[in-house]
Amino acid sequence: AASGSIFRINVMCWYRQAPGNQRELVAAITSGGSTNYA
């Protein structure tokens, strides 16, 4: 859930980080609905 100064045009992503690993992109979605996945 996002709150505050939300701009209409944005990208929201999910990242994950396992112990000892770098944070990695899992999935992304634009405000228009385009998606991208690892």
Full PDB file with SEQRES, HELIX, SHEET, SSBOND, CRYST1, ORIGX, SCALE, CONECT and MASTER records, all heavy atoms in Angstrom:
SEQRES   1 A   38  ALA ALA SER GLY SER ILE PHE ARG ILE ASN VAL MET CYS          
SEQRES   2 A   38  TRP TYR ARG GLN ALA PRO GLY ASN GLN ARG GLU LEU VAL          
SEQRES   3 A   38  ALA ALA ILE THR SER GLY GLY SER THR ASN TYR ALA              
SHEET    1 AA1 3 VAL A  11  ARG A  16  0                                        
SHEET    2 AA1 3 GLU A  24  THR A  30 -1                                        
SHEET    3 AA1 3 THR A  35  TYR A  37 -1                                        
CRYST1    1.000    1.000    1.000  90.00  90.00  90.00 P 1           1          
ORIGX1      1.000000  0.000000  0.000000        0.00000                         
ORIGX2      0.000000  1.000000  0.000000        0.00000                         
ORIGX3      0.000000  0.000000  1.000000        0.00000                         
SCALE1      1.000000  0.000000  0.000000        0.00000                         
SCALE2      0.000000  1.000000  0.000000        0.00000                         
SCALE3      0.000000  0.000000  1.000000        0.00000                         
ATOM      1  N   ALA A   1       0.841  -1.184   0.000  1.00  0.00           N  
ATOM      2  CA  ALA A   1       0.000   0.000   0.000  1.00  0.00           C  
ATOM      3  C   ALA A   1       0.879   1.237   0.000  1.00  0.00           C  
ATOM      4  O   ALA A   1       1.757   1.379   0.857  1.00  0.00           O  
ATOM      5  CB  ALA A   1      -0.908  -0.008   1.230  1.00  0.00           C  
ATOM      6  N   ALA A   2       0.641   2.119  -0.962  1.00  0.00           N  
ATOM      7  CA  ALA A   2       1.399   3.359  -1.073  1.00  0.00           C  
ATOM      8  C   ALA A   2       0.549   4.532  -0.607  1.00  0.00           C  
ATOM      9  O   ALA A   2      -0.661   4.587  -0.870  1.00  0.00           O  
ATOM     10  CB  ALA A   2       1.839   3.567  -2.523  1.00  0.00           C  
ATOM     11  N   SER A   3       1.190   5.450   0.068  1.00  0.00           N  
ATOM     12  CA  SER A   3       0.498   6.662   0.512  1.00  0.00           C  
ATOM     13  C   SER A   3       1.464   7.830   0.426  1.00  0.00           C  
ATOM     14  O   SER A   3       2.672   7.655   0.345  1.00  0.00           O  
ATOM     15  CB  SER A   3      -0.025   6.489   1.937  1.00  0.00           C  
ATOM     16  OG  SER A   3       1.033   6.260   2.839  1.00  0.00           O  
ATOM     17  N   GLY A   4       0.901   9.031   0.466  1.00  0.00           N  
ATOM     18  CA  GLY A   4       1.721  10.225   0.390  1.00  0.00           C  
ATOM     19  C   GLY A   4       1.571  10.900  -0.960  1.00  0.00           C  
ATOM     20  O   GLY A   4       0.505  10.893  -1.560  1.00  0.00           O  
ATOM     21  N   SER A   5       2.658  11.462  -1.453  1.00  0.00           N  
ATOM     22  CA  SER A   5       2.637  12.224  -2.706  1.00  0.00           C  
ATOM     23  C   SER A   5       2.829  11.275  -3.892  1.00  0.00           C  
ATOM     24  O   SER A   5       3.913  11.145  -4.441  1.00  0.00           O  
ATOM     25  CB  SER A   5       3.732  13.278  -2.681  1.00  0.00           C  
ATOM     26  OG  SER A   5       3.569  14.163  -1.592  1.00  0.00           O  
ATOM     27  N   ILE A   6       1.728  10.650  -4.284  1.00  0.00           N  
ATOM     28  CA  ILE A   6       1.750   9.671  -5.374  1.00  0.00           C  
ATOM     29  C   ILE A   6       1.540  10.375  -6.703  1.00  0.00           C  
ATOM     30  O   ILE A   6       0.516  11.036  -6.911  1.00  0.00           O  
ATOM     31  CB  ILE A   6       0.667   8.602  -5.186  1.00  0.00           C  
ATOM     32  CG1 ILE A   6       0.758   7.962  -3.808  1.00  0.00           C  
ATOM     33  CG2 ILE A   6       0.764   7.563  -6.298  1.00  0.00           C  
ATOM     34  CD1 ILE A   6       2.014   7.188  -3.574  1.00  0.00           C  
ATOM     35  N   PHE A   7       2.513  10.248  -7.601  1.00  0.00           N  
ATOM     36  CA  PHE A   7       2.335  10.777  -8.938  1.00  0.00           C  
ATOM     37  C   PHE A   7       1.602   9.754  -9.789  1.00  0.00           C  
ATOM     38  O   PHE A   7       1.789   8.551  -9.657  1.00  0.00           O  
ATOM     39  CB  PHE A   7       3.690  11.100  -9.566  1.00  0.00           C  
ATOM     40  CG  PHE A   7       4.337  12.330  -9.003  1.00  0.00           C  
ATOM     41  CD1 PHE A   7       5.285  12.231  -7.994  1.00  0.00           C  
ATOM     42  CD2 PHE A   7       3.991  13.590  -9.470  1.00  0.00           C  
ATOM     43  CE1 PHE A   7       5.875  13.357  -7.463  1.00  0.00           C  
ATOM     44  CE2 PHE A   7       4.581  14.725  -8.951  1.00  0.00           C  
ATOM     45  CZ  PHE A   7       5.528  14.605  -7.946  1.00  0.00           C  
ATOM     46  N   ARG A   8       0.798  10.256 -10.704  1.00  0.00           N  
ATOM     47  CA  ARG A   8      -0.036   9.361 -11.512  1.00  0.00           C  
ATOM     48  C   ARG A   8       0.820   8.445 -12.385  1.00  0.00           C  
ATOM     49  O   ARG A   8       0.486   7.278 -12.582  1.00  0.00           O  
ATOM     50  CB  ARG A   8      -0.975  10.190 -12.391  1.00  0.00           C  
ATOM     51  CG  ARG A   8      -1.985   9.349 -13.127  1.00  0.00           C  
ATOM     52  CD  ARG A   8      -3.005  10.228 -13.808  1.00  0.00           C  
ATOM     53  NE  ARG A   8      -4.008   9.445 -14.508  1.00  0.00           N  
ATOM     54  CZ  ARG A   8      -5.023   9.975 -15.156  1.00  0.00           C  
ATOM     55  NH1 ARG A   8      -5.180  11.274 -15.190  1.00  0.00           N  
ATOM     56  NH2 ARG A   8      -5.887   9.209 -15.763  1.00  0.00           N  
ATOM     57  N   ILE A   9       1.919   8.986 -12.916  1.00  0.00           N  
ATOM     58  CA  ILE A   9       2.824   8.201 -13.756  1.00  0.00           C  
ATOM     59  C   ILE A   9       3.929   7.659 -12.877  1.00  0.00           C  
ATOM     60  O   ILE A   9       4.743   8.422 -12.339  1.00  0.00           O  
ATOM     61  CB  ILE A   9       3.410   9.046 -14.884  1.00  0.00           C  
ATOM     62  CG1 ILE A   9       2.299   9.747 -15.669  1.00  0.00           C  
ATOM     63  CG2 ILE A   9       4.293   8.187 -15.796  1.00  0.00           C  
ATOM     64  CD1 ILE A   9       1.331   8.808 -16.341  1.00  0.00           C  
ATOM     65  N   ASN A  10       3.965   6.354 -12.703  1.00  0.00           N  
ATOM     66  CA  ASN A  10       4.986   5.761 -11.838  1.00  0.00           C  
ATOM     67  C   ASN A  10       5.201   4.308 -12.218  1.00  0.00           C  
ATOM     68  O   ASN A  10       4.450   3.734 -13.023  1.00  0.00           O  
ATOM     69  CB  ASN A  10       4.569   5.863 -10.366  1.00  0.00           C  
ATOM     70  CG  ASN A  10       3.258   5.164 -10.069  1.00  0.00           C  
ATOM     71  OD1 ASN A  10       3.174   3.941 -10.128  1.00  0.00           O  
ATOM     72  ND2 ASN A  10       2.224   5.922  -9.741  1.00  0.00           N  
ATOM     73  N   VAL A  11       6.223   3.754 -11.649  1.00  0.00           N  
ATOM     74  CA  VAL A  11       6.514   2.329 -11.789  1.00  0.00           C  
ATOM     75  C   VAL A  11       6.589   1.740 -10.391  1.00  0.00           C  
ATOM     76  O   VAL A  11       7.243   2.313  -9.507  1.00  0.00           O  
ATOM     77  CB  VAL A  11       7.830   2.076 -12.531  1.00  0.00           C  
ATOM     78  CG1 VAL A  11       8.111   0.571 -12.618  1.00  0.00           C  
ATOM     79  CG2 VAL A  11       7.797   2.686 -13.921  1.00  0.00           C  
ATOM     80  N   MET A  12       5.933   0.622 -10.201  1.00  0.00           N  
ATOM     81  CA  MET A  12       6.020  -0.064  -8.916  1.00  0.00           C  
ATOM     82  C   MET A  12       6.618  -1.441  -9.146  1.00  0.00           C  
ATOM     83  O   MET A  12       6.306  -2.114 -10.130  1.00  0.00           O  
ATOM     84  CB  MET A  12       4.659  -0.140  -8.246  1.00  0.00           C  
ATOM     85  CG  MET A  12       4.107   1.240  -7.913  1.00  0.00           C  
ATOM     86  SD  MET A  12       2.771   1.246  -6.731  1.00  0.00           S  
ATOM     87  CE  MET A  12       3.658   0.928  -5.209  1.00  0.00           C  
ATOM     88  N   CYS A  13       7.492  -1.815  -8.253  1.00  0.00           N  
ATOM     89  CA  CYS A  13       8.263  -3.049  -8.415  1.00  0.00           C  
ATOM     90  C   CYS A  13       8.256  -3.861  -7.134  1.00  0.00           C  
ATOM     91  O   CYS A  13       8.069  -3.326  -6.042  1.00  0.00           O  
ATOM     92  CB  CYS A  13       9.725  -2.732  -8.741  1.00  0.00           C  
ATOM     93  SG  CYS A  13       9.992  -1.675 -10.149  1.00  0.00           S  
ATOM     94  N   TRP A  14       8.506  -5.127  -7.315  1.00  0.00           N  
ATOM     95  CA  TRP A  14       8.823  -6.018  -6.205  1.00  0.00           C  
ATOM     96  C   TRP A  14      10.264  -6.498  -6.394  1.00  0.00           C  
ATOM     97  O   TRP A  14      10.641  -6.948  -7.484  1.00  0.00           O  
ATOM     98  CB  TRP A  14       7.884  -7.223  -6.156  1.00  0.00           C  
ATOM     99  CG  TRP A  14       6.520  -6.899  -5.673  1.00  0.00           C  
ATOM    100  CD1 TRP A  14       5.405  -6.641  -6.437  1.00  0.00           C  
ATOM    101  CD2 TRP A  14       6.101  -6.792  -4.304  1.00  0.00           C  
ATOM    102  NE1 TRP A  14       4.328  -6.398  -5.624  1.00  0.00           N  
ATOM    103  CE2 TRP A  14       4.725  -6.477  -4.318  1.00  0.00           C  
ATOM    104  CE3 TRP A  14       6.738  -6.940  -3.078  1.00  0.00           C  
ATOM    105  CZ2 TRP A  14       3.991  -6.310  -3.136  1.00  0.00           C  
ATOM    106  CZ3 TRP A  14       6.010  -6.774  -1.919  1.00  0.00           C  
ATOM    107  CH2 TRP A  14       4.650  -6.463  -1.959  1.00  0.00           C  
ATOM    108  N   TYR A  15      11.037  -6.352  -5.348  1.00  0.00           N  
ATOM    109  CA  TYR A  15      12.386  -6.888  -5.287  1.00  0.00           C  
ATOM    110  C   TYR A  15      12.422  -7.946  -4.178  1.00  0.00           C  
ATOM    111  O   TYR A  15      11.536  -7.997  -3.339  1.00  0.00           O  
ATOM    112  CB  TYR A  15      13.394  -5.796  -4.939  1.00  0.00           C  
ATOM    113  CG  TYR A  15      13.773  -4.882  -6.074  1.00  0.00           C  
ATOM    114  CD1 TYR A  15      12.885  -3.923  -6.559  1.00  0.00           C  
ATOM    115  CD2 TYR A  15      15.041  -4.943  -6.648  1.00  0.00           C  
ATOM    116  CE1 TYR A  15      13.240  -3.082  -7.593  1.00  0.00           C  
ATOM    117  CE2 TYR A  15      15.414  -4.090  -7.674  1.00  0.00           C  
ATOM    118  CZ  TYR A  15      14.514  -3.156  -8.139  1.00  0.00           C  
ATOM    119  OH  TYR A  15      14.883  -2.317  -9.161  1.00  0.00           O  
ATOM    120  N   ARG A  16      13.486  -8.727  -4.176  1.00  0.00           N  
ATOM    121  CA  ARG A  16      13.687  -9.651  -3.064  1.00  0.00           C  
ATOM    122  C   ARG A  16      15.174  -9.759  -2.762  1.00  0.00           C  
ATOM    123  O   ARG A  16      16.019  -9.528  -3.612  1.00  0.00           O  
ATOM    124  CB  ARG A  16      13.114 -11.031  -3.365  1.00  0.00           C  
ATOM    125  CG  ARG A  16      13.820 -11.809  -4.476  1.00  0.00           C  
ATOM    126  CD  ARG A  16      13.068 -13.110  -4.760  1.00  0.00           C  
ATOM    127  NE  ARG A  16      13.711 -13.879  -5.812  1.00  0.00           N  
ATOM    128  CZ  ARG A  16      13.193 -14.987  -6.350  1.00  0.00           C  
ATOM    129  NH1 ARG A  16      12.011 -15.452  -5.923  1.00  0.00           N  
ATOM    130  NH2 ARG A  16      13.832 -15.631  -7.301  1.00  0.00           N  
ATOM    131  N   GLN A  17      15.438 -10.089  -1.507  1.00  0.00           N  
ATOM    132  CA  GLN A  17      16.823 -10.254  -1.065  1.00  0.00           C  
ATOM    133  C   GLN A  17      16.904 -11.430  -0.111  1.00  0.00           C  
ATOM    134  O   GLN A  17      16.286 -11.413   0.958  1.00  0.00           O  
ATOM    135  CB  GLN A  17      17.343  -8.989  -0.400  1.00  0.00           C  
ATOM    136  CG  GLN A  17      18.823  -9.036  -0.080  1.00  0.00           C  
ATOM    137  CD  GLN A  17      19.377  -7.676   0.310  1.00  0.00           C  
ATOM    138  OE1 GLN A  17      18.642  -6.760   0.660  1.00  0.00           O  
ATOM    139  NE2 GLN A  17      20.671  -7.520   0.221  1.00  0.00           N  
ATOM    140  N   ALA A  18      17.680 -12.427  -0.514  1.00  0.00           N  
ATOM    141  CA  ALA A  18      17.935 -13.583   0.331  1.00  0.00           C  
ATOM    142  C   ALA A  18      19.230 -13.342   1.100  1.00  0.00           C  
ATOM    143  O   ALA A  18      20.082 -12.562   0.654  1.00  0.00           O  
ATOM    144  CB  ALA A  18      18.044 -14.845  -0.524  1.00  0.00           C  
ATOM    145  N   PRO A  19      19.408 -13.988   2.239  1.00  0.00           N  
ATOM    146  CA  PRO A  19      20.627 -13.800   3.028  1.00  0.00           C  
ATOM    147  C   PRO A  19      21.880 -14.066   2.194  1.00  0.00           C  
ATOM    148  O   PRO A  19      21.975 -15.086   1.506  1.00  0.00           O  
ATOM    149  CB  PRO A  19      20.478 -14.826   4.150  1.00  0.00           C  
ATOM    150  CG  PRO A  19      19.018 -15.020   4.295  1.00  0.00           C  
ATOM    151  CD  PRO A  19      18.453 -14.898   2.910  1.00  0.00           C  
ATOM    152  N   GLY A  20      22.817 -13.123   2.241  1.00  0.00           N  
ATOM    153  CA  GLY A  20      24.062 -13.273   1.510  1.00  0.00           C  
ATOM    154  C   GLY A  20      23.990 -12.920   0.043  1.00  0.00           C  
ATOM    155  O   GLY A  20      25.007 -12.980  -0.653  1.00  0.00           O  
ATOM    156  N   ASN A  21      22.796 -12.571  -0.418  1.00  0.00           N  
ATOM    157  CA  ASN A  21      22.612 -12.224  -1.835  1.00  0.00           C  
ATOM    158  C   ASN A  21      22.300 -10.749  -2.007  1.00  0.00           C  
ATOM    159  O   ASN A  21      21.856 -10.078  -1.069  1.00  0.00           O  
ATOM    160  CB  ASN A  21      21.470 -13.042  -2.447  1.00  0.00           C  
ATOM    161  CG  ASN A  21      21.815 -14.514  -2.580  1.00  0.00           C  
ATOM    162  OD1 ASN A  21      22.928 -14.934  -2.259  1.00  0.00           O  
ATOM    163  ND2 ASN A  21      20.857 -15.294  -3.037  1.00  0.00           N  
ATOM    164  N   GLN A  22      22.501 -10.280  -3.229  1.00  0.00           N  
ATOM    165  CA  GLN A  22      22.112  -8.912  -3.542  1.00  0.00           C  
ATOM    166  C   GLN A  22      20.600  -8.839  -3.759  1.00  0.00           C  
ATOM    167  O   GLN A  22      19.959  -9.837  -4.105  1.00  0.00           O  
ATOM    168  CB  GLN A  22      22.837  -8.442  -4.804  1.00  0.00           C  
ATOM    169  CG  GLN A  22      24.325  -8.221  -4.633  1.00  0.00           C  
ATOM    170  CD  GLN A  22      24.951  -7.559  -5.847  1.00  0.00           C  
ATOM    171  OE1 GLN A  22      24.444  -7.682  -6.958  1.00  0.00           O  
ATOM    172  NE2 GLN A  22      26.045  -6.851  -5.643  1.00  0.00           N  
ATOM    173  N   ARG A  23      20.071  -7.660  -3.556  1.00  0.00           N  
ATOM    174  CA  ARG A  23      18.655  -7.446  -3.832  1.00  0.00           C  
ATOM    175  C   ARG A  23      18.439  -7.543  -5.340  1.00  0.00           C  
ATOM    176  O   ARG A  23      19.205  -6.973  -6.123  1.00  0.00           O  
ATOM    177  CB  ARG A  23      18.218  -6.083  -3.322  1.00  0.00           C  
ATOM    178  CG  ARG A  23      16.726  -5.886  -3.249  1.00  0.00           C  
ATOM    179  CD  ARG A  23      16.377  -4.596  -2.531  1.00  0.00           C  
ATOM    180  NE  ARG A  23      16.756  -4.635  -1.119  1.00  0.00           N  
ATOM    181  CZ  ARG A  23      16.389  -3.714  -0.226  1.00  0.00           C  
ATOM    182  NH1 ARG A  23      15.623  -2.696  -0.607  1.00  0.00           N  
ATOM    183  NH2 ARG A  23      16.781  -3.803   1.025  1.00  0.00           N  
ATOM    184  N   GLU A  24      17.400  -8.283  -5.732  1.00  0.00           N  
ATOM    185  CA  GLU A  24      17.151  -8.492  -7.158  1.00  0.00           C  
ATOM    186  C   GLU A  24      15.717  -8.127  -7.510  1.00  0.00           C  
ATOM    187  O   GLU A  24      14.797  -8.306  -6.701  1.00  0.00           O  
ATOM    188  CB  GLU A  24      17.419  -9.951  -7.554  1.00  0.00           C  
ATOM    189  CG  GLU A  24      16.543 -10.976  -6.859  1.00  0.00           C  
ATOM    190  CD  GLU A  24      16.761 -12.391  -7.378  1.00  0.00           C  
ATOM    191  OE1 GLU A  24      17.558 -12.580  -8.321  1.00  0.00           O  
ATOM    192  OE2 GLU A  24      16.113 -13.305  -6.847  1.00  0.00           O  
ATOM    193  N   LEU A  25      15.543  -7.664  -8.738  1.00  0.00           N  
ATOM    194  CA  LEU A  25      14.214  -7.325  -9.230  1.00  0.00           C  
ATOM    195  C   LEU A  25      13.439  -8.599  -9.514  1.00  0.00           C  
ATOM    196  O   LEU A  25      13.931  -9.506 -10.191  1.00  0.00           O  
ATOM    197  CB  LEU A  25      14.322  -6.494 -10.500  1.00  0.00           C  
ATOM    198  CG  LEU A  25      13.013  -6.130 -11.183  1.00  0.00           C  
ATOM    199  CD1 LEU A  25      12.172  -5.212 -10.303  1.00  0.00           C  
ATOM    200  CD2 LEU A  25      13.284  -5.466 -12.532  1.00  0.00           C  
ATOM    201  N   VAL A  26      12.223  -8.660  -9.005  1.00  0.00           N  
ATOM    202  CA  VAL A  26      11.343  -9.802  -9.247  1.00  0.00           C  
ATOM    203  C   VAL A  26      10.332  -9.468 -10.341  1.00  0.00           C  
ATOM    204  O   VAL A  26      10.166 -10.235 -11.295  1.00  0.00           O  
ATOM    205  CB  VAL A  26      10.610 -10.203  -7.957  1.00  0.00           C  
ATOM    206  CG1 VAL A  26       9.601 -11.317  -8.234  1.00  0.00           C  
ATOM    207  CG2 VAL A  26      11.604 -10.606  -6.880  1.00  0.00           C  
ATOM    208  N   ALA A  27       9.665  -8.331 -10.197  1.00  0.00           N  
ATOM    209  CA  ALA A  27       8.632  -7.946 -11.161  1.00  0.00           C  
ATOM    210  C   ALA A  27       8.402  -6.452 -11.071  1.00  0.00           C  
ATOM    211  O   ALA A  27       8.618  -5.845 -10.015  1.00  0.00           O  
ATOM    212  CB  ALA A  27       7.335  -8.692 -10.889  1.00  0.00           C  
ATOM    213  N   ALA A  28       7.940  -5.888 -12.186  1.00  0.00           N  
ATOM    214  CA  ALA A  28       7.659  -4.458 -12.245  1.00  0.00           C  
ATOM    215  C   ALA A  28       6.379  -4.235 -13.030  1.00  0.00           C  
ATOM    216  O   ALA A  28       6.038  -5.018 -13.929  1.00  0.00           O  
ATOM    217  CB  ALA A  28       8.814  -3.710 -12.897  1.00  0.00           C  
ATOM    218  N   ILE A  29       5.688  -3.150 -12.686  1.00  0.00           N  
ATOM    219  CA  ILE A  29       4.472  -2.802 -13.410  1.00  0.00           C  
ATOM    220  C   ILE A  29       4.372  -1.281 -13.484  1.00  0.00           C  
ATOM    221  O   ILE A  29       4.570  -0.574 -12.502  1.00  0.00           O  
ATOM    222  CB  ILE A  29       3.226  -3.423 -12.737  1.00  0.00           C  
ATOM    223  CG1 ILE A  29       1.974  -3.157 -13.577  1.00  0.00           C  
ATOM    224  CG2 ILE A  29       3.057  -2.947 -11.303  1.00  0.00           C  
ATOM    225  CD1 ILE A  29       0.773  -3.996 -13.146  1.00  0.00           C  
ATOM    226  N   THR A  30       4.085  -0.785 -14.689  1.00  0.00           N  
ATOM    227  CA  THR A  30       3.921   0.654 -14.863  1.00  0.00           C  
ATOM    228  C   THR A  30       2.491   1.062 -14.506  1.00  0.00           C  
ATOM    229  O   THR A  30       1.600   0.204 -14.368  1.00  0.00           O  
ATOM    230  CB  THR A  30       4.202   1.058 -16.310  1.00  0.00           C  
ATOM    231  OG1 THR A  30       3.159   0.526 -17.156  1.00  0.00           O  
ATOM    232  CG2 THR A  30       5.548   0.528 -16.786  1.00  0.00           C  
ATOM    233  N   SER A  31       2.273   2.350 -14.395  1.00  0.00           N  
ATOM    234  CA  SER A  31       0.927   2.838 -14.109  1.00  0.00           C  
ATOM    235  C   SER A  31      -0.025   2.516 -15.254  1.00  0.00           C  
ATOM    236  O   SER A  31      -1.242   2.472 -15.064  1.00  0.00           O  
ATOM    237  CB  SER A  31       0.943   4.341 -13.821  1.00  0.00           C  
ATOM    238  OG  SER A  31       1.728   5.026 -14.771  1.00  0.00           O  
ATOM    239  N   GLY A  32       0.523   2.263 -16.452  1.00  0.00           N  
ATOM    240  CA  GLY A  32      -0.299   1.868 -17.586  1.00  0.00           C  
ATOM    241  C   GLY A  32      -0.570   0.382 -17.660  1.00  0.00           C  
ATOM    242  O   GLY A  32      -1.326  -0.076 -18.524  1.00  0.00           O  
ATOM    243  N   GLY A  33       0.092  -0.393 -16.783  1.00  0.00           N  
ATOM    244  CA  GLY A  33      -0.174  -1.821 -16.721  1.00  0.00           C  
ATOM    245  C   GLY A  33       0.838  -2.712 -17.416  1.00  0.00           C  
ATOM    246  O   GLY A  33       0.687  -3.942 -17.420  1.00  0.00           O  
ATOM    247  N   SER A  34       1.877  -2.146 -17.993  1.00  0.00           N  
ATOM    248  CA  SER A  34       2.919  -2.982 -18.608  1.00  0.00           C  
ATOM    249  C   SER A  34       3.725  -3.665 -17.514  1.00  0.00           C  
ATOM    250  O   SER A  34       4.043  -3.050 -16.494  1.00  0.00           O  
ATOM    251  CB  SER A  34       3.842  -2.120 -19.464  1.00  0.00           C  
ATOM    252  OG  SER A  34       3.125  -1.543 -20.532  1.00  0.00           O  
ATOM    253  N   THR A  35       4.060  -4.929 -17.755  1.00  0.00           N  
ATOM    254  CA  THR A  35       4.748  -5.715 -16.725  1.00  0.00           C  
ATOM    255  C   THR A  35       6.066  -6.283 -17.240  1.00  0.00           C  
ATOM    256  O   THR A  35       6.275  -6.440 -18.449  1.00  0.00           O  
ATOM    257  CB  THR A  35       3.864  -6.872 -16.246  1.00  0.00           C  
ATOM    258  OG1 THR A  35       3.528  -7.713 -17.359  1.00  0.00           O  
ATOM    259  CG2 THR A  35       2.587  -6.362 -15.607  1.00  0.00           C  
ATOM    260  N   ASN A  36       6.919  -6.613 -16.293  1.00  0.00           N  
ATOM    261  CA  ASN A  36       8.203  -7.229 -16.596  1.00  0.00           C  
ATOM    262  C   ASN A  36       8.544  -8.155 -15.436  1.00  0.00           C  
ATOM    263  O   ASN A  36       8.271  -7.828 -14.274  1.00  0.00           O  
ATOM    264  CB  ASN A  36       9.289  -6.164 -16.757  1.00  0.00           C  
ATOM    265  CG  ASN A  36      10.592  -6.748 -17.239  1.00  0.00           C  
ATOM    266  OD1 ASN A  36      10.596  -7.644 -18.079  1.00  0.00           O  
ATOM    267  ND2 ASN A  36      11.698  -6.262 -16.698  1.00  0.00           N  
ATOM    268  N   TYR A  37       9.131  -9.324 -15.758  1.00  0.00           N  
ATOM    269  CA  TYR A  37       9.427 -10.316 -14.731  1.00  0.00           C  
ATOM    270  C   TYR A  37      10.859 -10.825 -14.857  1.00  0.00           C  
ATOM    271  O   TYR A  37      11.414 -10.909 -15.959  1.00  0.00           O  
ATOM    272  CB  TYR A  37       8.491 -11.530 -14.862  1.00  0.00           C  
ATOM    273  CG  TYR A  37       7.047 -11.227 -14.602  1.00  0.00           C  
ATOM    274  CD1 TYR A  37       6.196 -10.883 -15.648  1.00  0.00           C  
ATOM    275  CD2 TYR A  37       6.525 -11.291 -13.312  1.00  0.00           C  
ATOM    276  CE1 TYR A  37       4.857 -10.606 -15.410  1.00  0.00           C  
ATOM    277  CE2 TYR A  37       5.189 -11.018 -13.071  1.00  0.00           C  
ATOM    278  CZ  TYR A  37       4.364 -10.677 -14.128  1.00  0.00           C  
ATOM    279  OH  TYR A  37       3.047 -10.401 -13.887  1.00  0.00           O  
ATOM    280  N   ALA A  38      11.427 -11.201 -13.730  1.00  0.00           N  
ATOM    281  CA  ALA A  38      12.688 -11.926 -13.752  1.00  0.00           C  
ATOM    282  C   ALA A  38      12.436 -13.304 -14.349  1.00  0.00           C  
ATOM    283  O   ALA A  38      11.366 -13.895 -14.160  1.00  0.00           O  
ATOM    284  CB  ALA A  38      13.235 -12.066 -12.332  1.00  0.00           C  
TER     285      ALA A  38                                                      
MASTER        0    0    0    0    3    0    0    6  284    1    0    3          
END                                                                             
